[in-house]
Amino acid sequence: MLGIRARIGKGGRIVIPAEYRRELQLETGEEIILYLENGELSAFTLKHAIKQAQSIVKKHNPKNRVLTHELKELRQNEEL
């Protein structure tokens, strides 16, 4: 993927080019997640970050158990 040059504006603002915003379906005011790793800055949509988290959890939950139900049961049993 080729990069697009951008400038740092007042207050540290970076304008995401319209082409990228359209591709990512980003709207004004929408939040993104920024990662800084090995001197590189990456930006992800919240949808992408959630999908990544779900993928990580799925690796540790191969039987596709409903973990929220299990957690709720554990907490109810602890209250008894």
PDB file of N, CA and C in Angstrom:
ATOM      1  N   MET A   1       0.842  -1.178   0.000  1.00  0.00           N
ATOM      2  CA  MET A   1       0.000   0.000   0.000  1.00  0.00           C
ATOM      3  C   MET A   1       0.885   1.239   0.000  1.00  0.00           C
ATOM      4  N   LEU A   2       0.593   2.140  -0.862  1.00  0.00           N
ATOM      5  CA  LEU A   2       1.338   3.391  -0.924  1.00  0.00           C
ATOM      6  C   LEU A   2       0.816   4.350   0.131  1.00  0.00           C
ATOM      7  N   GLY A   3       1.716   5.130   0.685  1.00  0.00           N
ATOM      8  CA  GLY A   3       1.324   6.099   1.695  1.00  0.00           C
ATOM      9  C   GLY A   3       0.950   7.427   1.071  1.00  0.00           C
ATOM     10  N   ILE A   4       0.246   8.216   1.827  1.00  0.00           N
ATOM     11  CA  ILE A   4      -0.106   9.574   1.428  1.00  0.00           C
ATOM     12  C   ILE A   4       0.511  10.506   2.459  1.00  0.00           C
ATOM     13  N   ARG A   5       1.160  11.550   1.996  1.00  0.00           N
ATOM     14  CA  ARG A   5       1.780  12.505   2.907  1.00  0.00           C
ATOM     15  C   ARG A   5       0.706  13.345   3.581  1.00  0.00           C
ATOM     16  N   ALA A   6       0.929  13.616   4.844  1.00  0.00           N
ATOM     17  CA  ALA A   6       0.034  14.484   5.607  1.00  0.00           C
ATOM     18  C   ALA A   6       0.897  15.376   6.488  1.00  0.00           C
ATOM     19  N   ARG A   7       0.346  16.497   6.893  1.00  0.00           N
ATOM     20  CA  ARG A   7       1.077  17.422   7.763  1.00  0.00           C
ATOM     21  C   ARG A   7       0.422  17.451   9.141  1.00  0.00           C
ATOM     22  N   ILE A   8       1.266  17.727  10.121  1.00  0.00           N
ATOM     23  CA  ILE A   8       0.769  17.931  11.473  1.00  0.00           C
ATOM     24  C   ILE A   8       0.325  19.387  11.567  1.00  0.00           C
ATOM     25  N   GLY A   9      -0.925  19.594  11.942  1.00  0.00           N
ATOM     26  CA  GLY A   9      -1.467  20.943  12.052  1.00  0.00           C
ATOM     27  C   GLY A   9      -1.437  21.444  13.486  1.00  0.00           C
ATOM     28  N   LYS A  10      -2.094  22.574  13.693  1.00  0.00           N
ATOM     29  CA  LYS A  10      -2.179  23.170  15.019  1.00  0.00           C
ATOM     30  C   LYS A  10      -2.760  22.165  16.004  1.00  0.00           C
ATOM     31  N   GLY A  11      -2.186  22.131  17.174  1.00  0.00           N
ATOM     32  CA  GLY A  11      -2.708  21.241  18.207  1.00  0.00           C
ATOM     33  C   GLY A  11      -2.412  19.778  17.942  1.00  0.00           C
ATOM     34  N   GLY A  12      -1.508  19.482  16.997  1.00  0.00           N
ATOM     35  CA  GLY A  12      -1.154  18.090  16.708  1.00  0.00           C
ATOM     36  C   GLY A  12      -2.149  17.370  15.814  1.00  0.00           C
ATOM     37  N   ARG A  13      -3.022  18.113  15.166  1.00  0.00           N
ATOM     38  CA  ARG A  13      -4.049  17.493  14.318  1.00  0.00           C
ATOM     39  C   ARG A  13      -3.452  16.962  13.016  1.00  0.00           C
ATOM     40  N   ILE A  14      -3.942  15.799  12.634  1.00  0.00           N
ATOM     41  CA  ILE A  14      -3.589  15.205  11.344  1.00  0.00           C
ATOM     42  C   ILE A  14      -4.896  15.020  10.585  1.00  0.00           C
ATOM     43  N   VAL A  15      -4.944  15.508   9.360  1.00  0.00           N
ATOM     44  CA  VAL A  15      -6.142  15.338   8.542  1.00  0.00           C
ATOM     45  C   VAL A  15      -6.036  14.010   7.798  1.00  0.00           C
ATOM     46  N   ILE A  16      -7.053  13.169   7.969  1.00  0.00           N
ATOM     47  CA  ILE A  16      -7.107  11.903   7.233  1.00  0.00           C
ATOM     48  C   ILE A  16      -7.702  12.224   5.861  1.00  0.00           C
ATOM     49  N   PRO A  17      -6.995  11.910   4.786  1.00  0.00           N
ATOM     50  CA  PRO A  17      -7.488  12.236   3.444  1.00  0.00           C
ATOM     51  C   PRO A  17      -8.888  11.664   3.184  1.00  0.00           C
ATOM     52  N   ALA A  18      -9.675  12.411   2.418  1.00  0.00           N
ATOM     53  CA  ALA A  18     -11.057  12.029   2.123  1.00  0.00           C
ATOM     54  C   ALA A  18     -11.149  10.624   1.544  1.00  0.00           C
ATOM     55  N   GLU A  19     -10.205  10.265   0.684  1.00  0.00           N
ATOM     56  CA  GLU A  19     -10.193   8.929   0.066  1.00  0.00           C
ATOM     57  C   GLU A  19     -10.146   7.837   1.145  1.00  0.00           C
ATOM     58  N   TYR A  20      -9.307   8.042   2.151  1.00  0.00           N
ATOM     59  CA  TYR A  20      -9.185   7.065   3.240  1.00  0.00           C
ATOM     60  C   TYR A  20     -10.447   7.056   4.102  1.00  0.00           C
ATOM     61  N   ARG A  21     -10.992   8.242   4.388  1.00  0.00           N
ATOM     62  CA  ARG A  21     -12.215   8.314   5.202  1.00  0.00           C
ATOM     63  C   ARG A  21     -13.365   7.591   4.520  1.00  0.00           C
ATOM     64  N   ARG A  22     -13.475   7.758   3.211  1.00  0.00           N
ATOM     65  CA  ARG A  22     -14.538   7.054   2.472  1.00  0.00           C
ATOM     66  C   ARG A  22     -14.331   5.548   2.545  1.00  0.00           C
ATOM     67  N   GLU A  23     -13.105   5.113   2.307  1.00  0.00           N
ATOM     68  CA  GLU A  23     -12.788   3.678   2.322  1.00  0.00           C
ATOM     69  C   GLU A  23     -13.105   3.055   3.682  1.00  0.00           C
ATOM     70  N   LEU A  24     -12.820   3.797   4.748  1.00  0.00           N
ATOM     71  CA  LEU A  24     -13.046   3.294   6.108  1.00  0.00           C
ATOM     72  C   LEU A  24     -14.431   3.636   6.642  1.00  0.00           C
ATOM     73  N   GLN A  25     -15.207   4.356   5.846  1.00  0.00           N
ATOM     74  CA  GLN A  25     -16.552   4.789   6.225  1.00  0.00           C
ATOM     75  C   GLN A  25     -16.525   5.578   7.539  1.00  0.00           C
ATOM     76  N   LEU A  26     -15.560   6.493   7.641  1.00  0.00           N
ATOM     77  CA  LEU A  26     -15.422   7.332   8.829  1.00  0.00           C
ATOM     78  C   LEU A  26     -16.255   8.595   8.677  1.00  0.00           C
ATOM     79  N   GLU A  27     -16.944   8.954   9.733  1.00  0.00           N
ATOM     80  CA  GLU A  27     -17.755  10.166   9.761  1.00  0.00           C
ATOM     81  C   GLU A  27     -17.101  11.181  10.702  1.00  0.00           C
ATOM     82  N   THR A  28     -17.415  12.445  10.521  1.00  0.00           N
ATOM     83  CA  THR A  28     -16.904  13.496  11.395  1.00  0.00           C
ATOM     84  C   THR A  28     -17.275  13.189  12.842  1.00  0.00           C
ATOM     85  N   GLY A  29     -16.296  13.294  13.730  1.00  0.00           N
ATOM     86  CA  GLY A  29     -16.532  13.058  15.153  1.00  0.00           C
ATOM     87  C   GLY A  29     -16.378  11.613  15.587  1.00  0.00           C
ATOM     88  N   GLU A  30     -16.236  10.713  14.626  1.00  0.00           N
ATOM     89  CA  GLU A  30     -16.089   9.293  14.957  1.00  0.00           C
ATOM     90  C   GLU A  30     -14.732   9.048  15.605  1.00  0.00           C
ATOM     91  N   GLU A  31     -14.705   8.145  16.584  1.00  0.00           N
ATOM     92  CA  GLU A  31     -13.458   7.824  17.267  1.00  0.00           C
ATOM     93  C   GLU A  31     -12.686   6.757  16.507  1.00  0.00           C
ATOM     94  N   ILE A  32     -11.361   6.860  16.595  1.00  0.00           N
ATOM     95  CA  ILE A  32     -10.480   5.830  16.058  1.00  0.00           C
ATOM     96  C   ILE A  32      -9.498   5.451  17.161  1.00  0.00           C
ATOM     97  N   ILE A  33      -8.846   4.327  16.989  1.00  0.00           N
ATOM     98  CA  ILE A  33      -7.843   3.854  17.934  1.00  0.00           C
ATOM     99  C   ILE A  33      -6.470   4.069  17.299  1.00  0.00           C
ATOM    100  N   LEU A  34      -5.558   4.674  18.040  1.00  0.00           N
ATOM    101  CA  LEU A  34      -4.194   4.890  17.558  1.00  0.00           C
ATOM    102  C   LEU A  34      -3.242   3.976  18.313  1.00  0.00           C
ATOM    103  N   TYR A  35      -2.330   3.369  17.579  1.00  0.00           N
ATOM    104  CA  TYR A  35      -1.291   2.523  18.160  1.00  0.00           C
ATOM    105  C   TYR A  35       0.061   3.083  17.756  1.00  0.00           C
ATOM    106  N   LEU A  36       0.977   3.094  18.707  1.00  0.00           N
ATOM    107  CA  LEU A  36       2.352   3.482  18.427  1.00  0.00           C
ATOM    108  C   LEU A  36       3.226   2.286  18.758  1.00  0.00           C
ATOM    109  N   GLU A  37       3.886   1.744  17.734  1.00  0.00           N
ATOM    110  CA  GLU A  37       4.709   0.555  17.926  1.00  0.00           C
ATOM    111  C   GLU A  37       5.914   0.621  17.000  1.00  0.00           C
ATOM    112  N   ASN A  38       7.086   0.425  17.573  1.00  0.00           N
ATOM    113  CA  ASN A  38       8.334   0.423  16.803  1.00  0.00           C
ATOM    114  C   ASN A  38       8.478   1.663  15.922  1.00  0.00           C
ATOM    115  N   GLY A  39       8.107   2.812  16.453  1.00  0.00           N
ATOM    116  CA  GLY A  39       8.264   4.058  15.717  1.00  0.00           C
ATOM    117  C   GLY A  39       7.238   4.282  14.619  1.00  0.00           C
ATOM    118  N   GLU A  40       6.199   3.446  14.562  1.00  0.00           N
ATOM    119  CA  GLU A  40       5.149   3.600  13.549  1.00  0.00           C
ATOM    120  C   GLU A  40       3.818   3.899  14.221  1.00  0.00           C
ATOM    121  N   LEU A  41       3.063   4.803  13.626  1.00  0.00           N
ATOM    122  CA  LEU A  41       1.746   5.163  14.111  1.00  0.00           C
ATOM    123  C   LEU A  41       0.708   4.505  13.208  1.00  0.00           C
ATOM    124  N   SER A  42      -0.196   3.762  13.808  1.00  0.00           N
ATOM    125  CA  SER A  42      -1.270   3.110  13.055  1.00  0.00           C
ATOM    126  C   SER A  42      -2.605   3.579  13.607  1.00  0.00           C
ATOM    127  N   ALA A  43      -3.593   3.668  12.747  1.00  0.00           N
ATOM    128  CA  ALA A  43      -4.938   4.066  13.157  1.00  0.00           C
ATOM    129  C   ALA A  43      -5.921   2.986  12.738  1.00  0.00           C
ATOM    130  N   PHE A  44      -6.842   2.658  13.635  1.00  0.00           N
ATOM    131  CA  PHE A  44      -7.849   1.640  13.362  1.00  0.00           C
ATOM    132  C   PHE A  44      -9.224   2.176  13.721  1.00  0.00           C
ATOM    133  N   THR A  45     -10.228   1.752  12.979  1.00  0.00           N
ATOM    134  CA  THR A  45     -11.596   2.091  13.351  1.00  0.00           C
ATOM    135  C   THR A  45     -11.970   1.258  14.573  1.00  0.00           C
ATOM    136  N   LEU A  46     -12.978   1.706  15.308  1.00  0.00           N
ATOM    137  CA  LEU A  46     -13.443   0.933  16.459  1.00  0.00           C
ATOM    138  C   LEU A  46     -13.959  -0.431  16.012  1.00  0.00           C
ATOM    139  N   LYS A  47     -14.634  -0.472  14.859  1.00  0.00           N
ATOM    140  CA  LYS A  47     -15.135  -1.755  14.341  1.00  0.00           C
ATOM    141  C   LYS A  47     -13.987  -2.732  14.137  1.00  0.00           C
ATOM    142  N   HIS A  48     -12.892  -2.250  13.564  1.00  0.00           N
ATOM    143  CA  HIS A  48     -11.733  -3.105  13.315  1.00  0.00           C
ATOM    144  C   HIS A  48     -11.126  -3.579  14.636  1.00  0.00           C
ATOM    145  N   ALA A  49     -11.000  -2.671  15.599  1.00  0.00           N
ATOM    146  CA  ALA A  49     -10.426  -3.028  16.898  1.00  0.00           C
ATOM    147  C   ALA A  49     -11.287  -4.072  17.600  1.00  0.00           C
ATOM    148  N   ILE A  50     -12.605  -3.935  17.502  1.00  0.00           N
ATOM    149  CA  ILE A  50     -13.514  -4.910  18.115  1.00  0.00           C
ATOM    150  C   ILE A  50     -13.369  -6.264  17.438  1.00  0.00           C
ATOM    151  N   LYS A  51     -13.284  -6.277  16.108  1.00  0.00           N
ATOM    152  CA  LYS A  51     -13.103  -7.543  15.390  1.00  0.00           C
ATOM    153  C   LYS A  51     -11.795  -8.215  15.784  1.00  0.00           C
ATOM    154  N   GLN A  52     -10.731  -7.425  15.959  1.00  0.00           N
ATOM    155  CA  GLN A  52      -9.449  -7.986  16.393  1.00  0.00           C
ATOM    156  C   GLN A  52      -9.583  -8.612  17.779  1.00  0.00           C
ATOM    157  N   ALA A  53     -10.242  -7.909  18.692  1.00  0.00           N
ATOM    158  CA  ALA A  53     -10.426  -8.427  20.053  1.00  0.00           C
ATOM    159  C   ALA A  53     -11.248  -9.712  20.027  1.00  0.00           C
ATOM    160  N   GLN A  54     -12.310  -9.733  19.229  1.00  0.00           N
ATOM    161  CA  GLN A  54     -13.139 -10.935  19.117  1.00  0.00           C
ATOM    162  C   GLN A  54     -12.336 -12.102  18.564  1.00  0.00           C
ATOM    163  N   SER A  55     -11.463 -11.836  17.621  1.00  0.00           N
ATOM    164  CA  SER A  55     -10.622 -12.879  17.038  1.00  0.00           C
ATOM    165  C   SER A  55      -9.682 -13.468  18.087  1.00  0.00           C
ATOM    166  N   ILE A  56      -9.120 -12.612  18.930  1.00  0.00           N
ATOM    167  CA  ILE A  56      -8.224 -13.079  19.990  1.00  0.00           C
ATOM    168  C   ILE A  56      -8.987 -13.948  20.979  1.00  0.00           C
ATOM    169  N   VAL A  57     -10.169 -13.499  21.381  1.00  0.00           N
ATOM    170  CA  VAL A  57     -10.982 -14.270  22.333  1.00  0.00           C
ATOM    171  C   VAL A  57     -11.376 -15.607  21.721  1.00  0.00           C
ATOM    172  N   LYS A  58     -11.730 -15.592  20.441  1.00  0.00           N
ATOM    173  CA  LYS A  58     -12.162 -16.822  19.767  1.00  0.00           C
ATOM    174  C   LYS A  58     -11.059 -17.884  19.772  1.00  0.00           C
ATOM    175  N   LYS A  59      -9.802 -17.470  19.651  1.00  0.00           N
ATOM    176  CA  LYS A  59      -8.687 -18.420  19.688  1.00  0.00           C
ATOM    177  C   LYS A  59      -8.634 -19.156  21.020  1.00  0.00           C
ATOM    178  N   HIS A  60      -9.045 -18.476  22.086  1.00  0.00           N
ATOM    179  CA  HIS A  60      -9.010 -19.060  23.425  1.00  0.00           C
ATOM    180  C   HIS A  60     -10.358 -19.671  23.811  1.00  0.00           C
ATOM    181  N   ASN A  61     -11.306 -19.661  22.899  1.00  0.00           N
ATOM    182  CA  ASN A  61     -12.642 -20.197  23.145  1.00  0.00           C
ATOM    183  C   ASN A  61     -13.077 -21.032  21.937  1.00  0.00           C
ATOM    184  N   PRO A  62     -12.344 -22.122  21.640  1.00  0.00           N
ATOM    185  CA  PRO A  62     -12.615 -22.887  20.421  1.00  0.00           C
ATOM    186  C   PRO A  62     -13.999 -23.537  20.379  1.00  0.00           C
ATOM    187  N   LYS A  63     -14.601 -23.763  21.546  1.00  0.00           N
ATOM    188  CA  LYS A  63     -15.924 -24.405  21.555  1.00  0.00           C
ATOM    189  C   LYS A  63     -17.050 -23.387  21.424  1.00  0.00           C
ATOM    190  N   ASN A  64     -16.680 -22.124  21.269  1.00  0.00           N
ATOM    191  CA  ASN A  64     -17.662 -21.046  21.070  1.00  0.00           C
ATOM    192  C   ASN A  64     -18.660 -20.940  22.221  1.00  0.00           C
ATOM    193  N   ARG A  65     -18.161 -21.124  23.443  1.00  0.00           N
ATOM    194  CA  ARG A  65     -19.029 -21.001  24.616  1.00  0.00           C
ATOM    195  C   ARG A  65     -19.448 -19.545  24.774  1.00  0.00           C
ATOM    196  N   VAL A  66     -20.603 -19.323  25.388  1.00  0.00           N
ATOM    197  CA  VAL A  66     -21.073 -17.969  25.654  1.00  0.00           C
ATOM    198  C   VAL A  66     -20.480 -17.549  26.999  1.00  0.00           C
ATOM    199  N   LEU A  67     -19.364 -16.854  26.936  1.00  0.00           N
ATOM    200  CA  LEU A  67     -18.601 -16.537  28.136  1.00  0.00           C
ATOM    201  C   LEU A  67     -19.322 -15.565  29.058  1.00  0.00           C
ATOM    202  N   THR A  68     -20.153 -14.694  28.511  1.00  0.00           N
ATOM    203  CA  THR A  68     -20.884 -13.754  29.363  1.00  0.00           C
ATOM    204  C   THR A  68     -21.848 -14.498  30.275  1.00  0.00           C
ATOM    205  N   HIS A  69     -22.487 -15.547  29.758  1.00  0.00           N
ATOM    206  CA  HIS A  69     -23.402 -16.349  30.587  1.00  0.00           C
ATOM    207  C   HIS A  69     -22.622 -17.064  31.686  1.00  0.00           C
ATOM    208  N   GLU A  70     -21.477 -17.611  31.339  1.00  0.00           N
ATOM    209  CA  GLU A  70     -20.659 -18.318  32.324  1.00  0.00           C
ATOM    210  C   GLU A  70     -20.183 -17.364  33.417  1.00  0.00           C
ATOM    211  N   LEU A  71     -19.782 -16.163  33.037  1.00  0.00           N
ATOM    212  CA  LEU A  71     -19.334 -15.177  34.011  1.00  0.00           C
ATOM    213  C   LEU A  71     -20.484 -14.780  34.937  1.00  0.00           C
ATOM    214  N   LYS A  72     -21.653 -14.585  34.365  1.00  0.00           N
ATOM    215  CA  LYS A  72     -22.827 -14.221  35.163  1.00  0.00           C
ATOM    216  C   LYS A  72     -23.137 -15.317  36.178  1.00  0.00           C
ATOM    217  N   GLU A  73     -23.090 -16.578  35.751  1.00  0.00           N
ATOM    218  CA  GLU A  73     -23.340 -17.701  36.657  1.00  0.00           C
ATOM    219  C   GLU A  73     -22.298 -17.748  37.767  1.00  0.00           C
ATOM    220  N   LEU A  74     -21.031 -17.550  37.413  1.00  0.00           N
ATOM    221  CA  LEU A  74     -19.967 -17.553  38.420  1.00  0.00           C
ATOM    222  C   LEU A  74     -20.200 -16.473  39.471  1.00  0.00           C
ATOM    223  N   ARG A  75     -20.566 -15.298  39.027  1.00  0.00           N
ATOM    224  CA  ARG A  75     -20.802 -14.190  39.963  1.00  0.00           C
ATOM    225  C   ARG A  75     -22.010 -14.458  40.847  1.00  0.00           C
ATOM    226  N   GLN A  76     -23.049 -15.048  40.280  1.00  0.00           N
ATOM    227  CA  GLN A  76     -24.234 -15.370  41.078  1.00  0.00           C
ATOM    228  C   GLN A  76     -23.894 -16.423  42.129  1.00  0.00           C
ATOM    229  N   ASN A  77     -23.081 -17.409  41.758  1.00  0.00           N
ATOM    230  CA  ASN A  77     -22.677 -18.452  42.702  1.00  0.00           C
ATOM    231  C   ASN A  77     -21.795 -17.881  43.808  1.00  0.00           C
ATOM    232  N   GLU A  78     -20.978 -16.883  43.493  1.00  0.00           N
ATOM    233  CA  GLU A  78     -20.123 -16.256  44.502  1.00  0.00           C
ATOM    234  C   GLU A  78     -20.944 -15.493  45.526  1.00  0.00           C
ATOM    235  N   GLU A  79     -22.085 -14.951  45.100  1.00  0.00           N
ATOM    236  CA  GLU A  79     -22.942 -14.180  46.001  1.00  0.00           C
ATOM    237  C   GLU A  79     -23.652 -15.076  47.005  1.00  0.00           C
ATOM    238  N   LEU A  80     -23.787 -16.357  46.691  1.00  0.00           N
ATOM    239  CA  LEU A  80     -24.503 -17.285  47.582  1.00  0.00           C
ATOM    240  C   LEU A  80     -23.725 -17.647  48.779  1.00  0.00           C
TER     241      LEU A  80
END
